[in-house]
Amino acid sequence: MDERGDISVRDRVLSWLPYALPVLGGFLGMLWVQMNPAEQLNPVVAVVLGVVGGRLLSVLVLRLVPGR
């Protein structure tokens, strides 16, 4: 028998979305600092802003999904 039970792909994606988007946001913040060194932006601030942006995006997506 399948260990995952009857969980649909949609539910699996929605379950990892709140974890994946903040990580992706932090990674993009780090990339922004590395690609734009003349901006003089603190890398910690860029990563935190990326994480917060990713978290807000995941909350928005989860609120817009019908049936949750």
N, C-alpha and C. Protein backbone atom coordinates (compact mmCIF):
# COMPACT_ATOMS: atom_id res chain seq x y z
N MET A 1 0.84 -1.18 0.00
CA MET A 1 0.00 0.00 0.00
C MET A 1 0.88 1.25 0.00
N ASP A 2 0.39 2.28 -0.62
CA ASP A 2 1.12 3.54 -0.70
C ASP A 2 1.21 4.18 0.69
N GLU A 3 2.39 4.61 1.08
CA GLU A 3 2.59 5.21 2.40
C GLU A 3 1.93 6.58 2.53
N ARG A 4 1.73 7.25 1.40
CA ARG A 4 1.17 8.59 1.44
C ARG A 4 -0.35 8.59 1.53
N GLY A 5 -0.97 7.45 1.39
CA GLY A 5 -2.42 7.37 1.50
C GLY A 5 -3.10 7.99 0.29
N ASP A 6 -4.18 8.69 0.55
CA ASP A 6 -4.98 9.28 -0.53
C ASP A 6 -4.75 10.77 -0.66
N ILE A 7 -3.56 11.24 -0.38
CA ILE A 7 -3.27 12.66 -0.48
C ILE A 7 -3.03 13.00 -1.94
N SER A 8 -3.73 14.01 -2.43
CA SER A 8 -3.59 14.40 -3.83
C SER A 8 -2.31 15.23 -4.02
N VAL A 9 -1.95 15.37 -5.26
CA VAL A 9 -0.76 16.17 -5.60
C VAL A 9 -0.97 17.61 -5.16
N ARG A 10 -2.18 18.12 -5.33
CA ARG A 10 -2.50 19.50 -4.92
C ARG A 10 -2.26 19.69 -3.43
N ASP A 11 -2.71 18.74 -2.63
CA ASP A 11 -2.52 18.85 -1.19
C ASP A 11 -1.05 18.72 -0.79
N ARG A 12 -0.32 17.87 -1.51
CA ARG A 12 1.12 17.76 -1.23
C ARG A 12 1.84 19.06 -1.54
N VAL A 13 1.51 19.67 -2.67
CA VAL A 13 2.16 20.95 -3.04
C VAL A 13 1.79 22.03 -2.04
N LEU A 14 0.52 22.09 -1.66
CA LEU A 14 0.10 23.10 -0.69
C LEU A 14 0.70 22.88 0.69
N SER A 15 1.08 21.65 1.00
CA SER A 15 1.68 21.40 2.31
C SER A 15 3.14 21.84 2.38
N TRP A 16 3.88 21.76 1.26
CA TRP A 16 5.28 22.19 1.32
C TRP A 16 5.47 23.63 0.89
N LEU A 17 4.45 24.26 0.35
CA LEU A 17 4.56 25.64 -0.11
C LEU A 17 4.99 26.63 0.98
N PRO A 18 4.43 26.57 2.20
CA PRO A 18 4.86 27.52 3.23
C PRO A 18 6.32 27.35 3.66
N TYR A 19 6.93 26.22 3.35
CA TYR A 19 8.34 26.02 3.68
C TYR A 19 9.24 26.39 2.51
N ALA A 20 8.79 26.08 1.31
CA ALA A 20 9.63 26.28 0.13
C ALA A 20 9.74 27.75 -0.28
N LEU A 21 8.65 28.50 -0.21
CA LEU A 21 8.71 29.89 -0.67
C LEU A 21 9.60 30.79 0.21
N PRO A 22 9.58 30.68 1.54
CA PRO A 22 10.54 31.48 2.31
C PRO A 22 12.00 31.10 2.04
N VAL A 23 12.26 29.81 1.83
CA VAL A 23 13.63 29.40 1.50
C VAL A 23 14.03 29.97 0.14
N LEU A 24 13.13 29.90 -0.83
CA LEU A 24 13.40 30.47 -2.14
C LEU A 24 13.60 31.98 -2.06
N GLY A 25 12.80 32.65 -1.24
CA GLY A 25 12.95 34.09 -1.06
C GLY A 25 14.29 34.46 -0.45
N GLY A 26 14.72 33.70 0.55
CA GLY A 26 16.03 33.95 1.15
C GLY A 26 17.16 33.72 0.17
N PHE A 27 17.03 32.69 -0.65
CA PHE A 27 18.02 32.41 -1.68
C PHE A 27 18.08 33.53 -2.71
N LEU A 28 16.91 34.03 -3.12
CA LEU A 28 16.88 35.13 -4.08
C LEU A 28 17.45 36.42 -3.48
N GLY A 29 17.22 36.63 -2.18
CA GLY A 29 17.83 37.79 -1.52
C GLY A 29 19.34 37.69 -1.49
N MET A 30 19.85 36.49 -1.26
CA MET A 30 21.29 36.28 -1.28
C MET A 30 21.85 36.49 -2.68
N LEU A 31 21.14 36.00 -3.69
CA LEU A 31 21.59 36.22 -5.07
C LEU A 31 21.60 37.69 -5.43
N TRP A 32 20.60 38.43 -4.96
CA TRP A 32 20.53 39.86 -5.26
C TRP A 32 21.77 40.58 -4.71
N VAL A 33 22.16 40.25 -3.50
CA VAL A 33 23.34 40.88 -2.90
C VAL A 33 24.60 40.51 -3.67
N GLN A 34 24.70 39.26 -4.10
CA GLN A 34 25.90 38.82 -4.83
C GLN A 34 25.98 39.43 -6.22
N MET A 35 24.84 39.65 -6.84
CA MET A 35 24.84 40.18 -8.21
C MET A 35 24.93 41.70 -8.26
N ASN A 36 24.61 42.37 -7.16
CA ASN A 36 24.64 43.84 -7.10
C ASN A 36 25.50 44.31 -5.93
N PRO A 37 26.82 44.13 -6.01
CA PRO A 37 27.65 44.49 -4.87
C PRO A 37 27.74 46.00 -4.62
N ALA A 38 27.46 46.81 -5.62
CA ALA A 38 27.56 48.26 -5.46
C ALA A 38 26.38 48.84 -4.68
N GLU A 39 25.35 48.05 -4.44
CA GLU A 39 24.16 48.54 -3.75
C GLU A 39 24.42 48.78 -2.25
N GLN A 40 25.47 48.16 -1.72
CA GLN A 40 25.83 48.29 -0.30
C GLN A 40 24.70 47.86 0.63
N LEU A 41 23.98 46.82 0.23
CA LEU A 41 22.91 46.28 1.05
C LEU A 41 23.48 45.17 1.93
N ASN A 42 23.15 45.21 3.19
CA ASN A 42 23.61 44.20 4.13
C ASN A 42 23.02 42.85 3.71
N PRO A 43 23.85 41.81 3.58
CA PRO A 43 23.32 40.51 3.15
C PRO A 43 22.27 39.93 4.09
N VAL A 44 22.40 40.19 5.38
CA VAL A 44 21.42 39.67 6.33
C VAL A 44 20.06 40.32 6.07
N VAL A 45 20.06 41.61 5.80
CA VAL A 45 18.80 42.30 5.52
C VAL A 45 18.18 41.77 4.24
N ALA A 46 18.98 41.53 3.22
CA ALA A 46 18.45 41.02 1.96
C ALA A 46 17.85 39.63 2.13
N VAL A 47 18.50 38.78 2.89
CA VAL A 47 17.98 37.42 3.11
C VAL A 47 16.69 37.48 3.92
N VAL A 48 16.67 38.29 4.96
CA VAL A 48 15.47 38.41 5.80
C VAL A 48 14.31 38.98 4.99
N LEU A 49 14.56 39.98 4.17
CA LEU A 49 13.50 40.52 3.32
C LEU A 49 12.99 39.47 2.34
N GLY A 50 13.88 38.66 1.81
CA GLY A 50 13.47 37.59 0.92
C GLY A 50 12.63 36.54 1.63
N VAL A 51 13.02 36.19 2.84
CA VAL A 51 12.26 35.20 3.62
C VAL A 51 10.88 35.74 3.96
N VAL A 52 10.81 36.98 4.40
CA VAL A 52 9.52 37.58 4.74
C VAL A 52 8.64 37.70 3.49
N GLY A 53 9.24 38.09 2.38
CA GLY A 53 8.47 38.15 1.13
C GLY A 53 7.95 36.79 0.70
N GLY A 54 8.77 35.77 0.84
CA GLY A 54 8.34 34.42 0.51
C GLY A 54 7.23 33.93 1.43
N ARG A 55 7.33 34.27 2.69
CA ARG A 55 6.29 33.87 3.65
C ARG A 55 4.98 34.57 3.34
N LEU A 56 5.04 35.86 3.03
CA LEU A 56 3.82 36.59 2.68
C LEU A 56 3.20 36.05 1.40
N LEU A 57 4.04 35.70 0.44
CA LEU A 57 3.53 35.12 -0.81
C LEU A 57 2.87 33.77 -0.55
N SER A 58 3.44 32.96 0.32
CA SER A 58 2.83 31.66 0.61
C SER A 58 1.50 31.83 1.33
N VAL A 59 1.40 32.79 2.23
CA VAL A 59 0.12 33.04 2.91
C VAL A 59 -0.91 33.51 1.90
N LEU A 60 -0.53 34.37 0.98
CA LEU A 60 -1.45 34.87 -0.04
C LEU A 60 -1.93 33.74 -0.94
N VAL A 61 -1.01 32.88 -1.37
CA VAL A 61 -1.39 31.76 -2.24
C VAL A 61 -2.34 30.82 -1.51
N LEU A 62 -2.05 30.52 -0.26
CA LEU A 62 -2.91 29.60 0.49
C LEU A 62 -4.30 30.19 0.75
N ARG A 63 -4.40 31.50 0.87
CA ARG A 63 -5.70 32.12 1.05
C ARG A 63 -6.50 32.16 -0.24
N LEU A 64 -5.80 32.24 -1.38
CA LEU A 64 -6.48 32.31 -2.66
C LEU A 64 -6.91 30.94 -3.19
N VAL A 65 -6.36 29.88 -2.63
CA VAL A 65 -6.72 28.52 -3.10
C VAL A 65 -8.10 28.18 -2.56
N PRO A 66 -9.01 27.85 -3.47
CA PRO A 66 -10.37 27.49 -3.00
C PRO A 66 -10.38 26.12 -2.33
N GLY A 67 -11.27 25.96 -1.40
CA GLY A 67 -11.44 24.67 -0.74
C GLY A 67 -10.50 24.41 0.41
N ARG A 68 -9.88 25.44 0.95
CA ARG A 68 -9.01 25.26 2.11
C ARG A 68 -9.59 25.94 3.30
